[in-house]
PDB file of all heavy atoms in Angstrom:
ATOM      1  N   GLU A   1     -10.688 -50.239  -5.511  1.00  0.00           N
ATOM      2  CA  GLU A   1      -9.575 -49.312  -5.706  1.00  0.00           C
ATOM      3  C   GLU A   1      -9.962 -48.089  -6.531  1.00  0.00           C
ATOM      4  O   GLU A   1      -9.306 -47.047  -6.454  1.00  0.00           O
ATOM      5  CB  GLU A   1      -8.399 -50.032  -6.359  1.00  0.00           C
ATOM      6  CG  GLU A   1      -8.723 -50.666  -7.705  1.00  0.00           C
ATOM      7  CD  GLU A   1      -7.528 -51.385  -8.306  1.00  0.00           C
ATOM      8  OE1 GLU A   1      -6.393 -51.060  -7.907  1.00  0.00           O
ATOM      9  OE2 GLU A   1      -7.718 -52.279  -9.161  1.00  0.00           O
ATOM     10  N   PHE A   2     -11.044 -48.176  -7.324  1.00  0.00           N
ATOM     11  CA  PHE A   2     -11.422 -47.049  -8.176  1.00  0.00           C
ATOM     12  C   PHE A   2     -12.200 -45.972  -7.408  1.00  0.00           C
ATOM     13  O   PHE A   2     -12.396 -44.879  -7.928  1.00  0.00           O
ATOM     14  CB  PHE A   2     -12.251 -47.550  -9.363  1.00  0.00           C
ATOM     15  CG  PHE A   2     -11.475 -48.436 -10.298  1.00  0.00           C
ATOM     16  CD1 PHE A   2     -11.682 -49.807 -10.328  1.00  0.00           C
ATOM     17  CD2 PHE A   2     -10.506 -47.901 -11.131  1.00  0.00           C
ATOM     18  CE1 PHE A   2     -10.970 -50.625 -11.185  1.00  0.00           C
ATOM     19  CE2 PHE A   2      -9.782 -48.703 -11.994  1.00  0.00           C
ATOM     20  CZ  PHE A   2     -10.010 -50.078 -12.020  1.00  0.00           C
ATOM     21  N   TRP A   3     -12.634 -46.289  -6.161  1.00  0.00           N
ATOM     22  CA  TRP A   3     -13.277 -45.260  -5.353  1.00  0.00           C
ATOM     23  C   TRP A   3     -12.306 -44.133  -5.010  1.00  0.00           C
ATOM     24  O   TRP A   3     -12.713 -42.990  -4.769  1.00  0.00           O
ATOM     25  CB  TRP A   3     -13.826 -45.877  -4.060  1.00  0.00           C
ATOM     26  CG  TRP A   3     -15.102 -46.650  -4.252  1.00  0.00           C
ATOM     27  CD1 TRP A   3     -15.232 -47.978  -4.493  1.00  0.00           C
ATOM     28  CD2 TRP A   3     -16.433 -46.122  -4.196  1.00  0.00           C
ATOM     29  NE1 TRP A   3     -16.551 -48.337  -4.592  1.00  0.00           N
ATOM     30  CE2 TRP A   3     -17.326 -47.202  -4.411  1.00  0.00           C
ATOM     31  CE3 TRP A   3     -16.970 -44.851  -3.982  1.00  0.00           C
ATOM     32  CZ2 TRP A   3     -18.701 -47.051  -4.417  1.00  0.00           C
ATOM     33  CZ3 TRP A   3     -18.348 -44.694  -3.990  1.00  0.00           C
ATOM     34  CH2 TRP A   3     -19.204 -45.783  -4.203  1.00  0.00           C
ATOM     35  N   SER A   4     -11.014 -44.459  -5.006  1.00  0.00           N
ATOM     36  CA  SER A   4     -10.012 -43.456  -4.627  1.00  0.00           C
ATOM     37  C   SER A   4      -9.849 -42.351  -5.658  1.00  0.00           C
ATOM     38  O   SER A   4      -9.210 -41.333  -5.386  1.00  0.00           O
ATOM     39  CB  SER A   4      -8.655 -44.139  -4.402  1.00  0.00           C
ATOM     40  OG  SER A   4      -8.195 -44.748  -5.597  1.00  0.00           O
ATOM     41  N   LEU A   5     -10.421 -42.503  -6.844  1.00  0.00           N
ATOM     42  CA  LEU A   5     -10.315 -41.462  -7.874  1.00  0.00           C
ATOM     43  C   LEU A   5     -11.161 -40.246  -7.543  1.00  0.00           C
ATOM     44  O   LEU A   5     -10.971 -39.175  -8.133  1.00  0.00           O
ATOM     45  CB  LEU A   5     -10.740 -42.034  -9.235  1.00  0.00           C
ATOM     46  CG  LEU A   5      -9.819 -43.111  -9.831  1.00  0.00           C
ATOM     47  CD1 LEU A   5     -10.422 -43.671 -11.109  1.00  0.00           C
ATOM     48  CD2 LEU A   5      -8.434 -42.541 -10.109  1.00  0.00           C
ATOM     49  N   GLY A   6     -12.105 -40.390  -6.624  1.00  0.00           N
ATOM     50  CA  GLY A   6     -12.913 -39.250  -6.215  1.00  0.00           C
ATOM     51  C   GLY A   6     -13.952 -38.825  -7.223  1.00  0.00           C
ATOM     52  O   GLY A   6     -14.358 -37.658  -7.241  1.00  0.00           O
ATOM     53  N   LEU A   7     -14.405 -39.753  -8.059  1.00  0.00           N
ATOM     54  CA  LEU A   7     -15.416 -39.440  -9.076  1.00  0.00           C
ATOM     55  C   LEU A   7     -16.758 -40.078  -8.763  1.00  0.00           C
ATOM     56  O   LEU A   7     -17.619 -40.198  -9.640  1.00  0.00           O
ATOM     57  CB  LEU A   7     -14.933 -39.892 -10.462  1.00  0.00           C
ATOM     58  CG  LEU A   7     -13.717 -39.148 -11.013  1.00  0.00           C
ATOM     59  CD1 LEU A   7     -13.240 -39.787 -12.301  1.00  0.00           C
ATOM     60  CD2 LEU A   7     -14.045 -37.680 -11.236  1.00  0.00           C
ATOM     61  N   GLY A   8     -16.914 -40.505  -7.527  1.00  0.00           N
ATOM     62  CA  GLY A   8     -18.182 -41.095  -7.139  1.00  0.00           C
ATOM     63  C   GLY A   8     -18.225 -42.594  -7.397  1.00  0.00           C
ATOM     64  O   GLY A   8     -17.195 -43.264  -7.507  1.00  0.00           O
ATOM     65  N   LYS A   9     -19.441 -43.114  -7.491  1.00  0.00           N
ATOM     66  CA  LYS A   9     -19.654 -44.548  -7.614  1.00  0.00           C
ATOM     67  C   LYS A   9     -19.133 -45.065  -8.943  1.00  0.00           C
ATOM     68  O   LYS A   9     -19.458 -44.531 -10.008  1.00  0.00           O
ATOM     69  CB  LYS A   9     -21.150 -44.841  -7.494  1.00  0.00           C
ATOM     70  CG  LYS A   9     -21.493 -46.315  -7.661  1.00  0.00           C
ATOM     71  CD  LYS A   9     -23.001 -46.534  -7.601  1.00  0.00           C
ATOM     72  CE  LYS A   9     -23.331 -48.001  -7.856  1.00  0.00           C
ATOM     73  NZ  LYS A   9     -24.788 -48.255  -7.817  1.00  0.00           N
ATOM     74  N   PRO A  10     -18.318 -46.142  -8.940  1.00  0.00           N
ATOM     75  CA  PRO A  10     -17.919 -46.782 -10.202  1.00  0.00           C
ATOM     76  C   PRO A  10     -19.010 -47.743 -10.691  1.00  0.00           C
ATOM     77  O   PRO A  10     -19.594 -48.477  -9.898  1.00  0.00           O
ATOM     78  CB  PRO A  10     -16.628 -47.527  -9.836  1.00  0.00           C
ATOM     79  CG  PRO A  10     -16.670 -47.700  -8.351  1.00  0.00           C
ATOM     80  CD  PRO A  10     -17.584 -46.671  -7.780  1.00  0.00           C
ATOM     81  N   TYR A  11     -19.253 -47.724 -11.994  1.00  0.00           N
ATOM     82  CA  TYR A  11     -20.300 -48.556 -12.588  1.00  0.00           C
ATOM     83  C   TYR A  11     -19.654 -49.688 -13.391  1.00  0.00           C
ATOM     84  O   TYR A  11     -18.950 -49.434 -14.375  1.00  0.00           O
ATOM     85  CB  TYR A  11     -21.197 -47.720 -13.498  1.00  0.00           C
ATOM     86  CG  TYR A  11     -21.974 -46.656 -12.751  1.00  0.00           C
ATOM     87  CD1 TYR A  11     -21.446 -45.384 -12.559  1.00  0.00           C
ATOM     88  CD2 TYR A  11     -23.222 -46.944 -12.225  1.00  0.00           C
ATOM     89  CE1 TYR A  11     -22.156 -44.413 -11.858  1.00  0.00           C
ATOM     90  CE2 TYR A  11     -23.939 -45.981 -11.525  1.00  0.00           C
ATOM     91  CZ  TYR A  11     -23.396 -44.721 -11.353  1.00  0.00           C
ATOM     92  OH  TYR A  11     -24.105 -43.766 -10.652  1.00  0.00           O
ATOM     93  N   PRO A  12     -19.863 -50.945 -12.992  1.00  0.00           N
ATOM     94  CA  PRO A  12     -19.228 -52.067 -13.703  1.00  0.00           C
ATOM     95  C   PRO A  12     -19.999 -52.442 -14.965  1.00  0.00           C
ATOM     96  O   PRO A  12     -21.229 -52.559 -14.949  1.00  0.00           O
ATOM     97  CB  PRO A  12     -19.286 -53.197 -12.666  1.00  0.00           C
ATOM     98  CG  PRO A  12     -20.484 -52.884 -11.831  1.00  0.00           C
ATOM     99  CD  PRO A  12     -20.610 -51.381 -11.805  1.00  0.00           C
ATOM    100  N   ILE A  13     -19.288 -52.622 -16.065  1.00  0.00           N
ATOM    101  CA  ILE A  13     -19.890 -53.079 -17.323  1.00  0.00           C
ATOM    102  C   ILE A  13     -18.905 -53.995 -18.037  1.00  0.00           C
ATOM    103  O   ILE A  13     -17.736 -54.126 -17.640  1.00  0.00           O
ATOM    104  CB  ILE A  13     -20.251 -51.906 -18.260  1.00  0.00           C
ATOM    105  CG1 ILE A  13     -18.972 -51.243 -18.795  1.00  0.00           C
ATOM    106  CG2 ILE A  13     -21.162 -50.900 -17.605  1.00  0.00           C
ATOM    107  CD1 ILE A  13     -19.191 -50.361 -20.007  1.00  0.00           C
ATOM    108  N   ASP A  14     -19.377 -54.620 -19.079  1.00  0.00           N
ATOM    109  CA  ASP A  14     -18.515 -55.324 -20.027  1.00  0.00           C
ATOM    110  C   ASP A  14     -18.989 -54.953 -21.416  1.00  0.00           C
ATOM    111  O   ASP A  14     -20.053 -55.413 -21.870  1.00  0.00           O
ATOM    112  CB  ASP A  14     -18.554 -56.841 -19.823  1.00  0.00           C
ATOM    113  CG  ASP A  14     -17.463 -57.550 -20.592  1.00  0.00           C
ATOM    114  OD1 ASP A  14     -17.549 -57.576 -21.834  1.00  0.00           O
ATOM    115  OD2 ASP A  14     -16.509 -58.061 -19.973  1.00  0.00           O
ATOM    116  N   ALA A  15     -18.246 -54.094 -22.102  1.00  0.00           N
ATOM    117  CA  ALA A  15     -18.665 -53.573 -23.400  1.00  0.00           C
ATOM    118  C   ALA A  15     -18.728 -54.653 -24.466  1.00  0.00           C
ATOM    119  O   ALA A  15     -19.547 -54.581 -25.383  1.00  0.00           O
ATOM    120  CB  ALA A  15     -17.716 -52.455 -23.846  1.00  0.00           C
ATOM    121  N   SER A  16     -17.890 -55.664 -24.352  1.00  0.00           N
ATOM    122  CA  SER A  16     -17.871 -56.727 -25.368  1.00  0.00           C
ATOM    123  C   SER A  16     -19.158 -57.533 -25.364  1.00  0.00           C
ATOM    124  O   SER A  16     -19.653 -57.945 -26.410  1.00  0.00           O
ATOM    125  CB  SER A  16     -16.672 -57.651 -25.150  1.00  0.00           C
ATOM    126  OG  SER A  16     -15.458 -56.949 -25.294  1.00  0.00           O
ATOM    127  N   HIS A  17     -19.705 -57.792 -24.174  1.00  0.00           N
ATOM    128  CA  HIS A  17     -20.905 -58.614 -24.046  1.00  0.00           C
ATOM    129  C   HIS A  17     -22.142 -57.800 -23.690  1.00  0.00           C
ATOM    130  O   HIS A  17     -23.254 -58.336 -23.692  1.00  0.00           O
ATOM    131  CB  HIS A  17     -20.687 -59.691 -22.981  1.00  0.00           C
ATOM    132  CG  HIS A  17     -19.490 -60.559 -23.235  1.00  0.00           C
ATOM    133  ND1 HIS A  17     -18.235 -60.258 -22.733  1.00  0.00           N
ATOM    134  CD2 HIS A  17     -19.340 -61.699 -23.949  1.00  0.00           C
ATOM    135  CE1 HIS A  17     -17.380 -61.190 -23.123  1.00  0.00           C
ATOM    136  NE2 HIS A  17     -18.013 -62.069 -23.857  1.00  0.00           N
ATOM    137  N   GLY A  18     -21.988 -56.526 -23.349  1.00  0.00           N
ATOM    138  CA  GLY A  18     -23.122 -55.686 -23.015  1.00  0.00           C
ATOM    139  C   GLY A  18     -23.609 -55.808 -21.587  1.00  0.00           C
ATOM    140  O   GLY A  18     -24.670 -55.280 -21.249  1.00  0.00           O
ATOM    141  N   HIS A  19     -22.850 -56.491 -20.723  1.00  0.00           N
ATOM    142  CA  HIS A  19     -23.283 -56.695 -19.345  1.00  0.00           C
ATOM    143  C   HIS A  19     -23.274 -55.365 -18.578  1.00  0.00           C
ATOM    144  O   HIS A  19     -22.284 -54.626 -18.602  1.00  0.00           O
ATOM    145  CB  HIS A  19     -22.371 -57.691 -18.638  1.00  0.00           C
ATOM    146  CG  HIS A  19     -22.407 -59.054 -19.261  1.00  0.00           C
ATOM    147  ND1 HIS A  19     -21.432 -60.010 -19.048  1.00  0.00           N
ATOM    148  CD2 HIS A  19     -23.301 -59.629 -20.109  1.00  0.00           C
ATOM    149  CE1 HIS A  19     -21.721 -61.098 -19.731  1.00  0.00           C
ATOM    150  NE2 HIS A  19     -22.843 -60.886 -20.387  1.00  0.00           N
ATOM    151  N   GLY A  20     -24.379 -55.068 -17.902  1.00  0.00           N
ATOM    152  CA  GLY A  20     -24.486 -53.868 -17.079  1.00  0.00           C
ATOM    153  C   GLY A  20     -24.687 -52.590 -17.852  1.00  0.00           C
ATOM    154  O   GLY A  20     -24.836 -51.520 -17.239  1.00  0.00           O
ATOM    155  N   LEU A  21     -24.705 -52.647 -19.160  1.00  0.00           N
ATOM    156  CA  LEU A  21     -24.773 -51.425 -19.957  1.00  0.00           C
ATOM    157  C   LEU A  21     -26.184 -50.839 -19.972  1.00  0.00           C
ATOM    158  O   LEU A  21     -26.352 -49.614 -19.911  1.00  0.00           O
ATOM    159  CB  LEU A  21     -24.295 -51.701 -21.379  1.00  0.00           C
ATOM    160  CG  LEU A  21     -24.061 -50.494 -22.277  1.00  0.00           C
ATOM    161  CD1 LEU A  21     -23.060 -49.544 -21.661  1.00  0.00           C
ATOM    162  CD2 LEU A  21     -23.586 -50.928 -23.656  1.00  0.00           C
ATOM    163  N   SER A  22     -27.197 -51.692 -20.044  1.00  0.00           N
ATOM    164  CA  SER A  22     -28.574 -51.185 -20.113  1.00  0.00           C
ATOM    165  C   SER A  22     -28.952 -50.444 -18.833  1.00  0.00           C
ATOM    166  O   SER A  22     -29.593 -49.385 -18.886  1.00  0.00           O
ATOM    167  CB  SER A  22     -29.542 -52.343 -20.370  1.00  0.00           C
ATOM    168  OG  SER A  22     -29.439 -53.319 -19.342  1.00  0.00           O
ATOM    169  N   ASN A  23     -28.553 -50.977 -17.678  1.00  0.00           N
ATOM    170  CA  ASN A  23     -28.861 -50.293 -16.413  1.00  0.00           C
ATOM    171  C   ASN A  23     -28.171 -48.936 -16.328  1.00  0.00           C
ATOM    172  O   ASN A  23     -28.752 -47.948 -15.861  1.00  0.00           O
ATOM    173  CB  ASN A  23     -28.440 -51.167 -15.227  1.00  0.00           C
ATOM    174  CG  ASN A  23     -29.233 -52.451 -15.142  1.00  0.00           C
ATOM    175  OD1 ASN A  23     -30.373 -52.506 -15.603  1.00  0.00           O
ATOM    176  ND2 ASN A  23     -28.639 -53.488 -14.569  1.00  0.00           N
ATOM    177  N   LEU A  24     -26.912 -48.885 -16.786  1.00  0.00           N
ATOM    178  CA  LEU A  24     -26.180 -47.629 -16.760  1.00  0.00           C
ATOM    179  C   LEU A  24     -26.829 -46.589 -17.669  1.00  0.00           C
ATOM    180  O   LEU A  24     -27.000 -45.424 -17.294  1.00  0.00           O
ATOM    181  CB  LEU A  24     -24.727 -47.874 -17.167  1.00  0.00           C
ATOM    182  CG  LEU A  24     -23.831 -46.634 -17.319  1.00  0.00           C
ATOM    183  CD1 LEU A  24     -23.721 -45.884 -16.004  1.00  0.00           C
ATOM    184  CD2 LEU A  24     -22.457 -47.020 -17.839  1.00  0.00           C
ATOM    185  N   MET A  25     -27.226 -46.993 -18.876  1.00  0.00           N
ATOM    186  CA  MET A  25     -27.811 -46.044 -19.828  1.00  0.00           C
ATOM    187  C   MET A  25     -29.185 -45.577 -19.377  1.00  0.00           C
ATOM    188  O   MET A  25     -29.556 -44.420 -19.602  1.00  0.00           O
ATOM    189  CB  MET A  25     -27.890 -46.685 -21.217  1.00  0.00           C
ATOM    190  CG  MET A  25     -26.532 -47.048 -21.818  1.00  0.00           C
ATOM    191  SD  MET A  25     -25.335 -45.683 -21.792  1.00  0.00           S
ATOM    192  CE  MET A  25     -26.163 -44.488 -22.809  1.00  0.00           C
ATOM    193  N   GLU A  26     -29.962 -46.456 -18.749  1.00  0.00           N
ATOM    194  CA  GLU A  26     -31.259 -46.037 -18.229  1.00  0.00           C
ATOM    195  C   GLU A  26     -31.090 -44.980 -17.133  1.00  0.00           C
ATOM    196  O   GLU A  26     -31.863 -44.023 -17.047  1.00  0.00           O
ATOM    197  CB  GLU A  26     -32.023 -47.244 -17.681  1.00  0.00           C
ATOM    198  CG  GLU A  26     -32.572 -48.167 -18.766  1.00  0.00           C
ATOM    199  CD  GLU A  26     -33.299 -49.356 -18.183  1.00  0.00           C
ATOM    200  OE1 GLU A  26     -33.456 -49.396 -16.939  1.00  0.00           O
ATOM    201  OE2 GLU A  26     -33.702 -50.237 -18.966  1.00  0.00           O
ATOM    202  N   LEU A  27     -30.070 -45.149 -16.301  1.00  0.00           N
ATOM    203  CA  LEU A  27     -29.804 -44.171 -15.243  1.00  0.00           C
ATOM    204  C   LEU A  27     -29.416 -42.825 -15.827  1.00  0.00           C
ATOM    205  O   LEU A  27     -29.881 -41.768 -15.381  1.00  0.00           O
ATOM    206  CB  LEU A  27     -28.696 -44.706 -14.322  1.00  0.00           C
ATOM    207  CG  LEU A  27     -28.173 -43.736 -13.255  1.00  0.00           C
ATOM    208  CD1 LEU A  27     -29.267 -43.432 -12.234  1.00  0.00           C
ATOM    209  CD2 LEU A  27     -26.936 -44.322 -12.567  1.00  0.00           C
ATOM    210  N   ILE A  28     -28.576 -42.841 -16.843  1.00  0.00           N
ATOM    211  CA  ILE A  28     -28.060 -41.597 -17.417  1.00  0.00           C
ATOM    212  C   ILE A  28     -29.110 -40.890 -18.270  1.00  0.00           C
ATOM    213  O   ILE A  28     -29.246 -39.666 -18.232  1.00  0.00           O
ATOM    214  CB  ILE A  28     -26.792 -41.899 -18.244  1.00  0.00           C
ATOM    215  CG1 ILE A  28     -25.669 -42.371 -17.322  1.00  0.00           C
ATOM    216  CG2 ILE A  28     -26.354 -40.686 -19.050  1.00  0.00           C
ATOM    217  CD1 ILE A  28     -24.489 -42.913 -18.042  1.00  0.00           C
ATOM    218  N   LEU A  29     -29.875 -41.663 -19.033  1.00  0.00           N
ATOM    219  CA  LEU A  29     -30.828 -41.075 -19.969  1.00  0.00           C
ATOM    220  C   LEU A  29     -32.198 -40.829 -19.362  1.00  0.00           C
ATOM    221  O   LEU A  29     -33.071 -40.274 -20.030  1.00  0.00           O
ATOM    222  CB  LEU A  29     -30.971 -41.984 -21.202  1.00  0.00           C
ATOM    223  CG  LEU A  29     -29.703 -42.221 -22.021  1.00  0.00           C
ATOM    224  CD1 LEU A  29     -29.973 -43.196 -23.144  1.00  0.00           C
ATOM    225  CD2 LEU A  29     -29.157 -40.913 -22.589  1.00  0.00           C
ATOM    226  N   SER A  30     -32.424 -41.256 -18.128  1.00  0.00           N
ATOM    227  CA  SER A  30     -33.746 -41.111 -17.517  1.00  0.00           C
ATOM    228  C   SER A  30     -34.209 -39.652 -17.457  1.00  0.00           C
ATOM    229  O   SER A  30     -35.397 -39.377 -17.694  1.00  0.00           O
ATOM    230  CB  SER A  30     -33.763 -41.737 -16.117  1.00  0.00           C
ATOM    231  OG  SER A  30     -32.772 -41.158 -15.282  1.00  0.00           O
ATOM    232  N   PRO A  31     -33.355 -38.661 -17.123  1.00  0.00           N
ATOM    233  CA  PRO A  31     -33.848 -37.264 -17.141  1.00  0.00           C
ATOM    234  C   PRO A  31     -34.336 -36.824 -18.512  1.00  0.00           C
ATOM    235  O   PRO A  31     -35.332 -36.107 -18.622  1.00  0.00           O
ATOM    236  CB  PRO A  31     -32.625 -36.459 -16.689  1.00  0.00           C
ATOM    237  CG  PRO A  31     -31.758 -37.430 -15.964  1.00  0.00           C
ATOM    238  CD  PRO A  31     -31.966 -38.733 -16.643  1.00  0.00           C
ATOM    239  N   TYR A  32     -33.652 -37.256 -19.578  1.00  0.00           N
ATOM    240  CA  TYR A  32     -34.052 -36.876 -20.925  1.00  0.00           C
ATOM    241  C   TYR A  32     -35.308 -37.616 -21.348  1.00  0.00           C
ATOM    242  O   TYR A  32     -36.167 -37.057 -22.049  1.00  0.00           O
ATOM    243  CB  TYR A  32     -32.916 -37.154 -21.912  1.00  0.00           C
ATOM    244  CG  TYR A  32     -31.645 -36.417 -21.575  1.00  0.00           C
ATOM    245  CD1 TYR A  32     -30.662 -37.017 -20.795  1.00  0.00           C
ATOM    246  CD2 TYR A  32     -31.434 -35.124 -22.021  1.00  0.00           C
ATOM    247  CE1 TYR A  32     -29.489 -36.344 -20.480  1.00  0.00           C
ATOM    248  CE2 TYR A  32     -30.268 -34.435 -21.707  1.00  0.00           C
ATOM    249  CZ  TYR A  32     -29.302 -35.061 -20.932  1.00  0.00           C
ATOM    250  OH  TYR A  32     -28.150 -34.390 -20.621  1.00  0.00           O
ATOM    251  N   MET A  33     -35.452 -38.890 -20.920  1.00  0.00           N
ATOM    252  CA  MET A  33     -36.652 -39.657 -21.243  1.00  0.00           C
ATOM    253  C   MET A  33     -37.871 -39.070 -20.538  1.00  0.00           C
ATOM    254  O   MET A  33     -38.967 -39.046 -21.086  1.00  0.00           O
ATOM    255  CB  MET A  33     -36.445 -41.116 -20.855  1.00  0.00           C
ATOM    256  CG  MET A  33     -35.353 -41.810 -21.655  1.00  0.00           C
ATOM    257  SD  MET A  33     -34.951 -43.452 -21.041  1.00  0.00           S
ATOM    258  CE  MET A  33     -36.494 -44.297 -21.337  1.00  0.00           C
ATOM    259  N   ASN A  34     -37.701 -38.580 -19.308  1.00  0.00           N
ATOM    260  CA  ASN A  34     -38.810 -37.972 -18.583  1.00  0.00           C
ATOM    261  C   ASN A  34     -39.293 -36.705 -19.281  1.00  0.00           C
ATOM    262  O   ASN A  34     -40.488 -36.422 -19.338  1.00  0.00           O
ATOM    263  CB  ASN A  34     -38.389 -37.649 -17.143  1.00  0.00           C
ATOM    264  CG  ASN A  34     -38.143 -38.899 -16.319  1.00  0.00           C
ATOM    265  OD1 ASN A  34     -38.701 -39.966 -16.611  1.00  0.00           O
ATOM    266  ND2 ASN A  34     -37.324 -38.781 -15.287  1.00  0.00           N
ATOM    267  N   LYS A  35     -38.344 -35.931 -19.831  1.00  0.00           N
ATOM    268  CA  LYS A  35     -38.732 -34.715 -20.552  1.00  0.00           C
ATOM    269  C   LYS A  35     -39.548 -35.052 -21.795  1.00  0.00           C
ATOM    270  O   LYS A  35     -40.517 -34.371 -22.123  1.00  0.00           O
ATOM    271  CB  LYS A  35     -37.479 -33.918 -20.941  1.00  0.00           C
ATOM    272  CG  LYS A  35     -36.783 -33.255 -19.761  1.00  0.00           C
ATOM    273  CD  LYS A  35     -35.589 -32.452 -20.240  1.00  0.00           C
ATOM    274  CE  LYS A  35     -34.892 -31.783 -19.052  1.00  0.00           C
ATOM    275  NZ  LYS A  35     -33.719 -30.997 -19.485  1.00  0.00           N
ATOM    276  N   ILE A  36     -39.152 -36.119 -22.483  1.00  0.00           N
ATOM    277  CA  ILE A  36     -39.894 -36.521 -23.686  1.00  0.00           C
ATOM    278  C   ILE A  36     -41.297 -36.975 -23.316  1.00  0.00           C
ATOM    279  O   ILE A  36     -42.285 -36.630 -23.974  1.00  0.00           O
ATOM    280  CB  ILE A  36     -39.130 -37.638 -24.425  1.00  0.00           C
ATOM    281  CG1 ILE A  36     -37.810 -37.093 -24.973  1.00  0.00           C
ATOM    282  CG2 ILE A  36     -39.967 -38.213 -25.548  1.00  0.00           C
ATOM    283  CD1 ILE A  36     -36.955 -38.135 -25.632  1.00  0.00           C
ATOM    284  N   GLN A  37     -41.419 -37.759 -22.223  1.00  0.00           N
ATOM    285  CA  GLN A  37     -42.731 -38.225 -21.797  1.00  0.00           C
ATOM    286  C   GLN A  37     -43.616 -37.068 -21.355  1.00  0.00           C
ATOM    287  O   GLN A  37     -44.813 -37.035 -21.644  1.00  0.00           O
ATOM    288  CB  GLN A  37     -42.564 -39.246 -20.674  1.00  0.00           C
ATOM    289  CG  GLN A  37     -41.912 -40.548 -21.124  1.00  0.00           C
ATOM    290  CD  GLN A  37     -41.618 -41.485 -19.967  1.00  0.00           C
ATOM    291  OE1 GLN A  37     -41.863 -41.143 -18.813  1.00  0.00           O
ATOM    292  NE2 GLN A  37     -41.108 -42.671 -20.275  1.00  0.00           N
ATOM    293  N   GLU A  38     -43.033 -36.088 -20.660  1.00  0.00           N
ATOM    294  CA  GLU A  38     -43.802 -34.909 -20.257  1.00  0.00           C
ATOM    295  C   GLU A  38     -44.275 -34.128 -21.477  1.00  0.00           C
ATOM    296  O   GLU A  38     -45.411 -33.644 -21.522  1.00  0.00           O
ATOM    297  CB  GLU A  38     -42.948 -34.014 -19.358  1.00  0.00           C
ATOM    298  CG  GLU A  38     -42.653 -34.605 -17.992  1.00  0.00           C
ATOM    299  CD  GLU A  38     -41.690 -33.737 -17.197  1.00  0.00           C
ATOM    300  OE1 GLU A  38     -41.321 -32.671 -17.723  1.00  0.00           O
ATOM    301  OE2 GLU A  38     -41.331 -34.134 -16.079  1.00  0.00           O
ATOM    302  N   GLY A  39     -43.414 -34.026 -22.465  1.00  0.00           N
ATOM    303  CA  GLY A  39     -43.802 -33.314 -23.677  1.00  0.00           C
ATOM    304  C   GLY A  39     -44.912 -34.020 -24.416  1.00  0.00           C
ATOM    305  O   GLY A  39     -45.830 -33.394 -24.948  1.00  0.00           O
ATOM    306  N   GLN A  40     -44.859 -35.362 -24.467  1.00  0.00           N
ATOM    307  CA  GLN A  40     -45.918 -36.117 -25.120  1.00  0.00           C
ATOM    308  C   GLN A  40     -47.238 -35.963 -24.366  1.00  0.00           C
ATOM    309  O   GLN A  40     -48.307 -35.898 -24.961  1.00  0.00           O
ATOM    310  CB  GLN A  40     -45.510 -37.591 -25.212  1.00  0.00           C
ATOM    311  CG  GLN A  40     -44.376 -37.840 -26.179  1.00  0.00           C
ATOM    312  CD  GLN A  40     -43.914 -39.277 -26.154  1.00  0.00           C
ATOM    313  OE1 GLN A  40     -44.273 -40.044 -25.253  1.00  0.00           O
ATOM    314  NE2 GLN A  40     -43.114 -39.657 -27.137  1.00  0.00           N
ATOM    315  N   HIS A  41     -47.171 -35.902 -23.016  1.00  0.00           N
ATOM    316  CA  HIS A  41     -48.382 -35.707 -22.220  1.00  0.00           C
ATOM    317  C   HIS A  41     -48.975 -34.328 -22.476  1.00  0.00           C
ATOM    318  O   HIS A  41     -50.198 -34.168 -22.610  1.00  0.00           O
ATOM    319  CB  HIS A  41     -48.053 -35.877 -20.733  1.00  0.00           C
ATOM    320  CG  HIS A  41     -49.267 -35.800 -19.847  1.00  0.00           C
ATOM    321  ND1 HIS A  41     -49.654 -34.621 -19.240  1.00  0.00           N
ATOM    322  CD2 HIS A  41     -50.169 -36.742 -19.478  1.00  0.00           C
ATOM    323  CE1 HIS A  41     -50.743 -34.837 -18.528  1.00  0.00           C
ATOM    324  NE2 HIS A  41     -51.082 -36.125 -18.649  1.00  0.00           N
ATOM    325  N   ASP A  42     -48.122 -33.316 -22.587  1.00  0.00           N
ATOM    326  CA  ASP A  42     -48.601 -31.975 -22.915  1.00  0.00           C
ATOM    327  C   ASP A  42     -49.230 -31.926 -24.297  1.00  0.00           C
ATOM    328  O   ASP A  42     -50.223 -31.237 -24.520  1.00  0.00           O
ATOM    329  CB  ASP A  42     -47.450 -30.966 -22.851  1.00  0.00           C
ATOM    330  CG  ASP A  42     -46.925 -30.796 -21.421  1.00  0.00           C
ATOM    331  OD1 ASP A  42     -47.656 -31.150 -20.478  1.00  0.00           O
ATOM    332  OD2 ASP A  42     -45.773 -30.321 -21.277  1.00  0.00           O
ATOM    333  N   LEU A  43     -48.667 -32.687 -25.202  1.00  0.00           N
ATOM    334  CA  LEU A  43     -49.184 -32.715 -26.569  1.00  0.00           C
ATOM    335  C   LEU A  43     -50.575 -33.326 -26.614  1.00  0.00           C
ATOM    336  O   LEU A  43     -51.461 -32.848 -27.313  1.00  0.00           O
ATOM    337  CB  LEU A  43     -48.225 -33.505 -27.466  1.00  0.00           C
ATOM    338  CG  LEU A  43     -48.684 -33.741 -28.918  1.00  0.00           C
ATOM    339  CD1 LEU A  43     -48.819 -32.402 -29.627  1.00  0.00           C
ATOM    340  CD2 LEU A  43     -47.696 -34.637 -29.629  1.00  0.00           C
TER     341      LEU A  43
END
């Protein structure tokens, strides 16, 4: 039912137990982590 909001794919998590949270954060933070790794390689 949440697909009807028109915001794209819904991501299931449980904040109380941390279920699904690590996968979501890796997806979101991956562009920033890649920039850090590229900078370390340049260094």
